[in-house]
Protein backbone atom coordinates (compact mmCIF):
# COMPACT_ATOMS: atom_id res chain seq x y z
CA MET A 1 1.93 -72.52 -12.52
CA LEU A 2 2.59 -68.83 -13.14
CA ASN A 3 5.80 -66.90 -13.73
CA SER A 4 6.35 -63.57 -11.97
CA PRO A 5 4.26 -60.71 -13.38
CA GLY A 6 5.77 -57.58 -14.91
CA LEU A 7 4.28 -54.09 -14.69
CA VAL A 8 5.02 -51.67 -17.53
CA ASN A 9 3.21 -48.32 -17.63
CA ASP A 10 -0.40 -49.23 -16.85
CA ARG A 11 -0.31 -52.90 -17.82
CA PHE A 12 0.52 -56.15 -16.08
CA TYR A 13 2.07 -58.95 -18.16
CA LEU A 14 1.72 -62.45 -16.74
CA SER A 15 2.75 -65.71 -18.37
CA ASP A 16 2.20 -69.27 -17.27
CA VAL A 17 4.55 -72.19 -17.82
CA SER A 18 2.46 -73.48 -20.74
CA GLY A 19 3.35 -70.28 -22.65
CA THR A 20 0.14 -68.27 -22.38
CA MET A 21 0.70 -64.54 -21.82
CA GLN A 22 -2.10 -62.41 -20.37
CA VAL A 23 -2.12 -58.63 -20.35
CA PHE A 24 -4.39 -56.76 -17.97
CA LYS A 25 -4.83 -53.38 -16.29
CA PRO A 26 -4.39 -52.89 -12.56
CA ALA A 27 -7.82 -51.74 -11.42
CA GLU A 28 -10.47 -52.54 -8.85
CA LYS A 29 -12.33 -54.58 -11.46
CA PHE A 30 -10.34 -57.13 -13.52
CA GLU A 31 -9.88 -55.96 -17.13
CA LEU A 32 -8.19 -58.46 -19.46
CA LEU A 33 -6.65 -56.62 -22.43
CA GLY A 34 -5.39 -59.63 -24.35
CA THR A 35 -4.07 -63.17 -24.36
CA SER A 36 -1.35 -64.66 -26.53
CA LYS A 37 -0.01 -68.21 -26.80
CA MET A 38 3.74 -68.50 -27.38
CA GLY A 39 3.54 -72.02 -28.80
CA GLU A 40 5.95 -73.53 -26.27
CA ASP A 41 6.53 -73.67 -22.54
CA VAL A 42 7.90 -70.57 -20.82
CA HIS A 43 9.72 -71.07 -17.51
CA ALA A 44 11.08 -67.53 -17.07
CA THR A 45 9.69 -64.12 -16.27
CA PRO A 46 9.59 -61.82 -19.32
CA ALA A 47 12.15 -59.01 -19.51
CA PHE A 48 11.10 -55.48 -20.51
CA VAL A 49 13.84 -53.42 -22.17
CA GLY A 50 13.63 -50.37 -24.44
CA GLY A 51 9.96 -50.76 -25.28
CA LYS A 52 10.37 -54.45 -26.15
CA ILE A 53 9.33 -57.63 -24.35
CA TYR A 54 11.78 -60.54 -24.35
CA ILE A 55 10.38 -63.97 -23.51
CA ARG A 56 12.60 -67.03 -23.18
CA GLY A 57 10.76 -70.16 -24.19
CA VAL A 58 12.09 -73.69 -23.93
CA THR A 59 13.70 -73.52 -27.39
CA HIS A 60 13.23 -69.92 -28.62
CA LEU A 61 13.85 -66.35 -27.50
CA PHE A 62 10.91 -64.17 -28.50
CA CYS A 63 11.04 -60.39 -28.89
CA ILE A 64 7.77 -58.49 -29.04
CA ALA A 65 7.72 -54.84 -30.03
CA GLU A 66 5.32 -52.33 -31.49
CA GLN A 67 5.60 -52.15 -35.26
CA ASN A 68 7.03 -48.87 -36.56
CA ARG A 69 4.70 -47.06 -38.90
């Protein structure tokens, strides 16, 4: 079962209830950019705020952001 996808800039973010997040580009041909496992079930659509992705897992709230250099 999938959660609702999110579109940010030129990327779709889609997670399933088992906690796997897939990132892909909207294009005529499918282009998977990456996959990440959260390590727990995710029953909510990710939230995108201020350049960060918030993902509510069953027991944790994850925040993913680009590392400042």
